[in-house]
Amino acid sequence: VIAAYPQVRRWAIGGHSLGGAMAANFAGSHVDEIDGLVLWAAYPASSDDLSTSGLRVISIYATLDGLATGDKIESSRLQLPAETIWVPIRGGNHAQFGWYGVQAGDQPATISRIDQQAQIVASTLTLLGSLE
């Protein structure tokens, strides 16, 4: 995709859960092409140290996530640039980052899916806007 659109000057990649881990891996191995990384209830694999990558990163996570727990998100801090933006969605859970129903191991959300996804979109746009 990047090669097909040479007129695009700045690229960001992102993903939810395992997709976020894969996005982090791709961004880390393509720092000459990728400017931003958006993590939705996700964190890099332990082998992906992006701390000196120069990437602009936002980590958007939910406080009631039973899968990408607060402890796991917190543990990823040293692997991400010091300037990473950290956005907790209070009352959100893992499944409401998507639209696929209840997920085993997740906790019930105390906010609506619409509210959670509005916060996700707004925070994602913050990161994308910083790439201009």
Foldseek 3Di string as FASTA:
>chain_A
DCVVCVVDDAAEDEDEAVSRQVSLVVCQVPLVHHAEYEYELYAHDPVQQCQPSNHAYEYEYECQEQPSHPVVVVVRCRSHHVNYHYHYDYQDYRPLCDPDDDDPRTDHGPDDSVVSNVVSVVVVVVSVVVRD
